[in-house]
Amino acid sequence: LDDYQGRGIATILLKHLCAIARALGVSEFTANVLGGNRKMIEVLISSGFAVRHMLDSGITRLSFQIQDHEGHR
């Protein structure tokens, strides 16, 4: 583990990526995460978005609409 893990950097990056993506007309994110990467899965599930997920051959596939919490795209 490096010194920056567990400090919320992934959450901050996700927030910025969503803002940039919305500005470019992107409405949905899909992520394929190794099943053992529980921390990344938790970041996405606890992001505040309605995340759909399924497990396939050790890979967790997560997808979610990236409208903001006020419902704007």
PDB file of N, CA and C in Angstrom:
ATOM      1  N   LEU A   1       0.840  -1.194   0.000  1.00  0.00           N
ATOM      2  CA  LEU A   1       0.000   0.000   0.000  1.00  0.00           C
ATOM      3  C   LEU A   1       0.874   1.243   0.000  1.00  0.00           C
ATOM      4  N   ASP A   2       0.442   2.214  -0.792  1.00  0.00           N
ATOM      5  CA  ASP A   2       1.216   3.448  -0.779  1.00  0.00           C
ATOM      6  C   ASP A   2       0.607   4.445   0.209  1.00  0.00           C
ATOM      7  N   ASP A   3       1.307   5.551   0.414  1.00  0.00           N
ATOM      8  CA  ASP A   3       0.905   6.543   1.417  1.00  0.00           C
ATOM      9  C   ASP A   3      -0.398   7.264   1.083  1.00  0.00           C
ATOM     10  N   TYR A   4      -0.859   7.176  -0.167  1.00  0.00           N
ATOM     11  CA  TYR A   4      -2.042   7.930  -0.565  1.00  0.00           C
ATOM     12  C   TYR A   4      -3.323   7.107  -0.562  1.00  0.00           C
ATOM     13  N   GLN A   5      -3.239   5.800  -0.360  1.00  0.00           N
ATOM     14  CA  GLN A   5      -4.438   4.974  -0.351  1.00  0.00           C
ATOM     15  C   GLN A   5      -5.291   5.277   0.877  1.00  0.00           C
ATOM     16  N   GLY A   6      -6.595   5.276   0.672  1.00  0.00           N
ATOM     17  CA  GLY A   6      -7.524   5.488   1.778  1.00  0.00           C
ATOM     18  C   GLY A   6      -7.716   6.941   2.168  1.00  0.00           C
ATOM     19  N   ARG A   7      -7.278   7.874   1.330  1.00  0.00           N
ATOM     20  CA  ARG A   7      -7.399   9.296   1.653  1.00  0.00           C
ATOM     21  C   ARG A   7      -8.465  10.024   0.845  1.00  0.00           C
ATOM     22  N   GLY A   8      -9.239   9.261   0.076  1.00  0.00           N
ATOM     23  CA  GLY A   8     -10.339   9.879  -0.669  1.00  0.00           C
ATOM     24  C   GLY A   8      -9.967  10.411  -2.040  1.00  0.00           C
ATOM     25  N   ILE A   9      -8.777  10.110  -2.517  1.00  0.00           N
ATOM     26  CA  ILE A   9      -8.349  10.620  -3.818  1.00  0.00           C
ATOM     27  C   ILE A   9      -9.215  10.051  -4.935  1.00  0.00           C
ATOM     28  N   ALA A  10      -9.554   8.767  -4.878  1.00  0.00           N
ATOM     29  CA  ALA A  10     -10.398   8.164  -5.921  1.00  0.00           C
ATOM     30  C   ALA A  10     -11.769   8.827  -5.963  1.00  0.00           C
ATOM     31  N   THR A  11     -12.315   9.173  -4.813  1.00  0.00           N
ATOM     32  CA  THR A  11     -13.616   9.848  -4.756  1.00  0.00           C
ATOM     33  C   THR A  11     -13.533  11.231  -5.387  1.00  0.00           C
ATOM     34  N   ILE A  12     -12.472  11.955  -5.109  1.00  0.00           N
ATOM     35  CA  ILE A  12     -12.278  13.289  -5.687  1.00  0.00           C
ATOM     36  C   ILE A  12     -12.100  13.189  -7.203  1.00  0.00           C
ATOM     37  N   LEU A  13     -11.297  12.229  -7.653  1.00  0.00           N
ATOM     38  CA  LEU A  13     -11.098  12.042  -9.093  1.00  0.00           C
ATOM     39  C   LEU A  13     -12.401  11.674  -9.786  1.00  0.00           C
ATOM     40  N   LEU A  14     -13.192  10.804  -9.165  1.00  0.00           N
ATOM     41  CA  LEU A  14     -14.471  10.416  -9.756  1.00  0.00           C
ATOM     42  C   LEU A  14     -15.379  11.631  -9.905  1.00  0.00           C
ATOM     43  N   LYS A  15     -15.433  12.484  -8.910  1.00  0.00           N
ATOM     44  CA  LYS A  15     -16.262  13.691  -8.965  1.00  0.00           C
ATOM     45  C   LYS A  15     -15.826  14.584 -10.126  1.00  0.00           C
ATOM     46  N   HIS A  16     -14.526  14.779 -10.291  1.00  0.00           N
ATOM     47  CA  HIS A  16     -14.023  15.614 -11.384  1.00  0.00           C
ATOM     48  C   HIS A  16     -14.261  14.958 -12.749  1.00  0.00           C
ATOM     49  N   LEU A  17     -14.052  13.641 -12.838  1.00  0.00           N
ATOM     50  CA  LEU A  17     -14.321  12.933 -14.094  1.00  0.00           C
ATOM     51  C   LEU A  17     -15.782  13.051 -14.497  1.00  0.00           C
ATOM     52  N   CYS A  18     -16.675  12.955 -13.530  1.00  0.00           N
ATOM     53  CA  CYS A  18     -18.109  13.077 -13.823  1.00  0.00           C
ATOM     54  C   CYS A  18     -18.434  14.474 -14.350  1.00  0.00           C
ATOM     55  N   ALA A  19     -17.871  15.492 -13.749  1.00  0.00           N
ATOM     56  CA  ALA A  19     -18.132  16.865 -14.199  1.00  0.00           C
ATOM     57  C   ALA A  19     -17.633  17.070 -15.628  1.00  0.00           C
ATOM     58  N   ILE A  20     -16.437  16.591 -15.925  1.00  0.00           N
ATOM     59  CA  ILE A  20     -15.874  16.724 -17.276  1.00  0.00           C
ATOM     60  C   ILE A  20     -16.708  15.923 -18.267  1.00  0.00           C
ATOM     61  N   ALA A  21     -17.055  14.699 -17.888  1.00  0.00           N
ATOM     62  CA  ALA A  21     -17.836  13.846 -18.784  1.00  0.00           C
ATOM     63  C   ALA A  21     -19.195  14.458 -19.092  1.00  0.00           C
ATOM     64  N   ARG A  22     -19.879  14.982 -18.075  1.00  0.00           N
ATOM     65  CA  ARG A  22     -21.184  15.620 -18.301  1.00  0.00           C
ATOM     66  C   ARG A  22     -21.040  16.796 -19.257  1.00  0.00           C
ATOM     67  N   ALA A  23     -19.981  17.592 -19.094  1.00  0.00           N
ATOM     68  CA  ALA A  23     -19.756  18.737 -19.971  1.00  0.00           C
ATOM     69  C   ALA A  23     -19.540  18.298 -21.425  1.00  0.00           C
ATOM     70  N   LEU A  24     -19.056  17.088 -21.611  1.00  0.00           N
ATOM     71  CA  LEU A  24     -18.813  16.551 -22.952  1.00  0.00           C
ATOM     72  C   LEU A  24     -19.983  15.716 -23.469  1.00  0.00           C
ATOM     73  N   GLY A  25     -21.071  15.657 -22.700  1.00  0.00           N
ATOM     74  CA  GLY A  25     -22.259  14.950 -23.140  1.00  0.00           C
ATOM     75  C   GLY A  25     -22.316  13.476 -22.773  1.00  0.00           C
ATOM     76  N   VAL A  26     -21.391  13.015 -21.948  1.00  0.00           N
ATOM     77  CA  VAL A  26     -21.407  11.621 -21.495  1.00  0.00           C
ATOM     78  C   VAL A  26     -22.451  11.503 -20.387  1.00  0.00           C
ATOM     79  N   SER A  27     -23.256  10.446 -20.438  1.00  0.00           N
ATOM     80  CA  SER A  27     -24.317  10.310 -19.443  1.00  0.00           C
ATOM     81  C   SER A  27     -24.181   9.077 -18.557  1.00  0.00           C
ATOM     82  N   GLU A  28     -23.274   8.159 -18.914  1.00  0.00           N
ATOM     83  CA  GLU A  28     -23.144   6.932 -18.136  1.00  0.00           C
ATOM     84  C   GLU A  28     -21.684   6.484 -18.093  1.00  0.00           C
ATOM     85  N   PHE A  29     -21.286   5.963 -16.945  1.00  0.00           N
ATOM     86  CA  PHE A  29     -19.963   5.359 -16.780  1.00  0.00           C
ATOM     87  C   PHE A  29     -20.135   3.857 -16.595  1.00  0.00           C
ATOM     88  N   THR A  30     -19.191   3.110 -17.113  1.00  0.00           N
ATOM     89  CA  THR A  30     -19.104   1.682 -16.870  1.00  0.00           C
ATOM     90  C   THR A  30     -17.678   1.382 -16.445  1.00  0.00           C
ATOM     91  N   ALA A  31     -17.530   0.594 -15.386  1.00  0.00           N
ATOM     92  CA  ALA A  31     -16.200   0.235 -14.879  1.00  0.00           C
ATOM     93  C   ALA A  31     -16.121  -1.270 -14.708  1.00  0.00           C
ATOM     94  N   ASN A  32     -15.014  -1.842 -15.132  1.00  0.00           N
ATOM     95  CA  ASN A  32     -14.712  -3.244 -14.885  1.00  0.00           C
ATOM     96  C   ASN A  32     -13.619  -3.272 -13.821  1.00  0.00           C
ATOM     97  N   VAL A  33     -13.942  -3.841 -12.674  1.00  0.00           N
ATOM     98  CA  VAL A  33     -13.033  -3.828 -11.530  1.00  0.00           C
ATOM     99  C   VAL A  33     -12.762  -5.270 -11.105  1.00  0.00           C
ATOM    100  N   LEU A  34     -11.501  -5.578 -10.868  1.00  0.00           N
ATOM    101  CA  LEU A  34     -11.171  -6.911 -10.365  1.00  0.00           C
ATOM    102  C   LEU A  34     -11.935  -7.154  -9.072  1.00  0.00           C
ATOM    103  N   GLY A  35     -12.508  -8.326  -8.940  1.00  0.00           N
ATOM    104  CA  GLY A  35     -13.323  -8.650  -7.775  1.00  0.00           C
ATOM    105  C   GLY A  35     -12.611  -8.451  -6.452  1.00  0.00           C
ATOM    106  N   GLY A  36     -11.292  -8.616  -6.431  1.00  0.00           N
ATOM    107  CA  GLY A  36     -10.520  -8.439  -5.204  1.00  0.00           C
ATOM    108  C   GLY A  36     -10.257  -6.987  -4.831  1.00  0.00           C
ATOM    109  N   ASN A  37     -10.595  -6.065  -5.718  1.00  0.00           N
ATOM    110  CA  ASN A  37     -10.349  -4.642  -5.453  1.00  0.00           C
ATOM    111  C   ASN A  37     -11.565  -4.044  -4.746  1.00  0.00           C
ATOM    112  N   ARG A  38     -11.796  -4.509  -3.536  1.00  0.00           N
ATOM    113  CA  ARG A  38     -12.980  -4.114  -2.764  1.00  0.00           C
ATOM    114  C   ARG A  38     -13.039  -2.607  -2.518  1.00  0.00           C
ATOM    115  N   LYS A  39     -11.887  -1.980  -2.320  1.00  0.00           N
ATOM    116  CA  LYS A  39     -11.904  -0.540  -2.030  1.00  0.00           C
ATOM    117  C   LYS A  39     -12.448   0.263  -3.211  1.00  0.00           C
ATOM    118  N   MET A  40     -12.055  -0.110  -4.438  1.00  0.00           N
ATOM    119  CA  MET A  40     -12.557   0.623  -5.602  1.00  0.00           C
ATOM    120  C   MET A  40     -14.039   0.354  -5.804  1.00  0.00           C
ATOM    121  N   ILE A  41     -14.448  -0.874  -5.589  1.00  0.00           N
ATOM    122  CA  ILE A  41     -15.873  -1.204  -5.694  1.00  0.00           C
ATOM    123  C   ILE A  41     -16.664  -0.393  -4.672  1.00  0.00           C
ATOM    124  N   GLU A  42     -16.167  -0.278  -3.464  1.00  0.00           N
ATOM    125  CA  GLU A  42     -16.839   0.508  -2.423  1.00  0.00           C
ATOM    126  C   GLU A  42     -16.916   1.984  -2.803  1.00  0.00           C
ATOM    127  N   VAL A  43     -15.836   2.526  -3.398  1.00  0.00           N
ATOM    128  CA  VAL A  43     -15.849   3.933  -3.829  1.00  0.00           C
ATOM    129  C   VAL A  43     -16.986   4.162  -4.820  1.00  0.00           C
ATOM    130  N   LEU A  44     -17.108   3.273  -5.786  1.00  0.00           N
ATOM    131  CA  LEU A  44     -18.144   3.454  -6.806  1.00  0.00           C
ATOM    132  C   LEU A  44     -19.539   3.251  -6.237  1.00  0.00           C
ATOM    133  N   ILE A  45     -19.722   2.231  -5.420  1.00  0.00           N
ATOM    134  CA  ILE A  45     -21.048   1.969  -4.853  1.00  0.00           C
ATOM    135  C   ILE A  45     -21.472   3.073  -3.887  1.00  0.00           C
ATOM    136  N   SER A  46     -20.533   3.645  -3.153  1.00  0.00           N
ATOM    137  CA  SER A  46     -20.880   4.698  -2.187  1.00  0.00           C
ATOM    138  C   SER A  46     -20.796   6.098  -2.790  1.00  0.00           C
ATOM    139  N   SER A  47     -20.714   6.197  -4.116  1.00  0.00           N
ATOM    140  CA  SER A  47     -20.553   7.492  -4.784  1.00  0.00           C
ATOM    141  C   SER A  47     -21.799   8.370  -4.729  1.00  0.00           C
ATOM    142  N   GLY A  48     -22.934   7.792  -4.388  1.00  0.00           N
ATOM    143  CA  GLY A  48     -24.177   8.556  -4.394  1.00  0.00           C
ATOM    144  C   GLY A  48     -24.989   8.335  -5.652  1.00  0.00           C
ATOM    145  N   PHE A  49     -24.404   7.669  -6.644  1.00  0.00           N
ATOM    146  CA  PHE A  49     -25.116   7.340  -7.867  1.00  0.00           C
ATOM    147  C   PHE A  49     -25.783   5.978  -7.698  1.00  0.00           C
ATOM    148  N   ALA A  50     -26.812   5.734  -8.484  1.00  0.00           N
ATOM    149  CA  ALA A  50     -27.484   4.436  -8.466  1.00  0.00           C
ATOM    150  C   ALA A  50     -26.655   3.472  -9.311  1.00  0.00           C
ATOM    151  N   VAL A  51     -25.832   2.683  -8.666  1.00  0.00           N
ATOM    152  CA  VAL A  51     -24.878   1.810  -9.343  1.00  0.00           C
ATOM    153  C   VAL A  51     -25.496   0.428  -9.540  1.00  0.00           C
ATOM    154  N   ARG A  52     -25.432  -0.043 -10.778  1.00  0.00           N
ATOM    155  CA  ARG A  52     -25.820  -1.423 -11.093  1.00  0.00           C
ATOM    156  C   ARG A  52     -24.526  -2.213 -11.186  1.00  0.00           C
ATOM    157  N   HIS A  53     -24.533  -3.427 -10.663  1.00  0.00           N
ATOM    158  CA  HIS A  53     -23.299  -4.214 -10.741  1.00  0.00           C
ATOM    159  C   HIS A  53     -23.603  -5.689 -10.896  1.00  0.00           C
ATOM    160  N   MET A  54     -22.661  -6.365 -11.550  1.00  0.00           N
ATOM    161  CA  MET A  54     -22.760  -7.809 -11.692  1.00  0.00           C
ATOM    162  C   MET A  54     -21.352  -8.385 -11.707  1.00  0.00           C
ATOM    163  N   LEU A  55     -21.235  -9.609 -11.253  1.00  0.00           N
ATOM    164  CA  LEU A  55     -19.952 -10.303 -11.193  1.00  0.00           C
ATOM    165  C   LEU A  55     -19.891 -11.313 -12.321  1.00  0.00           C
ATOM    166  N   ASP A  56     -18.766 -11.309 -13.054  1.00  0.00           N
ATOM    167  CA  ASP A  56     -18.583 -12.253 -14.154  1.00  0.00           C
ATOM    168  C   ASP A  56     -17.118 -12.658 -14.213  1.00  0.00           C
ATOM    169  N   SER A  57     -16.835 -13.910 -13.932  1.00  0.00           N
ATOM    170  CA  SER A  57     -15.476 -14.472 -14.010  1.00  0.00           C
ATOM    171  C   SER A  57     -14.452 -13.666 -13.196  1.00  0.00           C
ATOM    172  N   GLY A  58     -14.834 -13.260 -11.999  1.00  0.00           N
ATOM    173  CA  GLY A  58     -13.912 -12.537 -11.124  1.00  0.00           C
ATOM    174  C   GLY A  58     -13.821 -11.046 -11.392  1.00  0.00           C
ATOM    175  N   ILE A  59     -14.570 -10.552 -12.365  1.00  0.00           N
ATOM    176  CA  ILE A  59     -14.597  -9.127 -12.682  1.00  0.00           C
ATOM    177  C   ILE A  59     -15.961  -8.580 -12.279  1.00  0.00           C
ATOM    178  N   THR A  60     -15.961  -7.491 -11.531  1.00  0.00           N
ATOM    179  CA  THR A  60     -17.209  -6.814 -11.184  1.00  0.00           C
ATOM    180  C   THR A  60     -17.414  -5.690 -12.190  1.00  0.00           C
ATOM    181  N   ARG A  61     -18.546  -5.731 -12.878  1.00  0.00           N
ATOM    182  CA  ARG A  61     -18.879  -4.689 -13.854  1.00  0.00           C
ATOM    183  C   ARG A  61     -19.901  -3.774 -13.196  1.00  0.00           C
ATOM    184  N   LEU A  62     -19.554  -2.503 -13.100  1.00  0.00           N
ATOM    185  CA  LEU A  62     -20.430  -1.518 -12.477  1.00  0.00           C
ATOM    186  C   LEU A  62     -20.790  -0.466 -13.513  1.00  0.00           C
ATOM    187  N   SER A  63     -22.028  -0.026 -13.516  1.00  0.00           N
ATOM    188  CA  SER A  63     -22.425   1.056 -14.416  1.00  0.00           C
ATOM    189  C   SER A  63     -23.407   1.963 -13.688  1.00  0.00           C
ATOM    190  N   PHE A  64     -23.360   3.242 -14.066  1.00  0.00           N
ATOM    191  CA  PHE A  64     -24.241   4.216 -13.412  1.00  0.00           C
ATOM    192  C   PHE A  64     -24.363   5.463 -14.266  1.00  0.00           C
ATOM    193  N   GLN A  65     -25.558   6.062 -14.202  1.00  0.00           N
ATOM    194  CA  GLN A  65     -25.807   7.353 -14.830  1.00  0.00           C
ATOM    195  C   GLN A  65     -25.056   8.399 -14.022  1.00  0.00           C
ATOM    196  N   ILE A  66     -24.465   9.390 -14.690  1.00  0.00           N
ATOM    197  CA  ILE A  66     -23.634  10.360 -13.963  1.00  0.00           C
ATOM    198  C   ILE A  66     -24.291  11.721 -13.835  1.00  0.00           C
ATOM    199  N   GLN A  67     -25.619  11.739 -13.773  1.00  0.00           N
ATOM    200  CA  GLN A  67     -26.247  13.024 -13.494  1.00  0.00           C
ATOM    201  C   GLN A  67     -25.901  13.410 -12.066  1.00  0.00           C
ATOM    202  N   ASP A  68     -25.841  14.703 -11.810  1.00  0.00           N
ATOM    203  CA  ASP A  68     -25.467  15.141 -10.467  1.00  0.00           C
ATOM    204  C   ASP A  68     -26.610  14.904  -9.492  1.00  0.00           C
ATOM    205  N   HIS A  69     -26.373  15.201  -8.246  1.00  0.00           N
ATOM    206  CA  HIS A  69     -27.345  14.899  -7.216  1.00  0.00           C
ATOM    207  C   HIS A  69     -28.596  15.762  -7.281  1.00  0.00           C
ATOM    208  N   GLU A  70     -28.554  16.863  -8.040  1.00  0.00           N
ATOM    209  CA  GLU A  70     -29.744  17.674  -8.241  1.00  0.00           C
ATOM    210  C   GLU A  70     -30.531  17.200  -9.451  1.00  0.00           C
ATOM    211  N   GLY A  71     -30.023  16.173 -10.160  1.00  0.00           N
ATOM    212  CA  GLY A  71     -30.730  15.623 -11.294  1.00  0.00           C
ATOM    213  C   GLY A  71     -30.347  16.252 -12.613  1.00  0.00           C
ATOM    214  N   HIS A  72     -29.384  17.173 -12.635  1.00  0.00           N
ATOM    215  CA  HIS A  72     -28.948  17.788 -13.883  1.00  0.00           C
ATOM    216  C   HIS A  72     -27.955  16.892 -14.602  1.00  0.00           C
ATOM    217  N   ARG A  73     -27.976  16.954 -15.914  1.00  0.00           N
ATOM    218  CA  ARG A  73     -27.020  16.171 -16.698  1.00  0.00           C
ATOM    219  C   ARG A  73     -25.863  17.033 -17.111  1.00  0.00           C
TER     220      ARG A  73
END
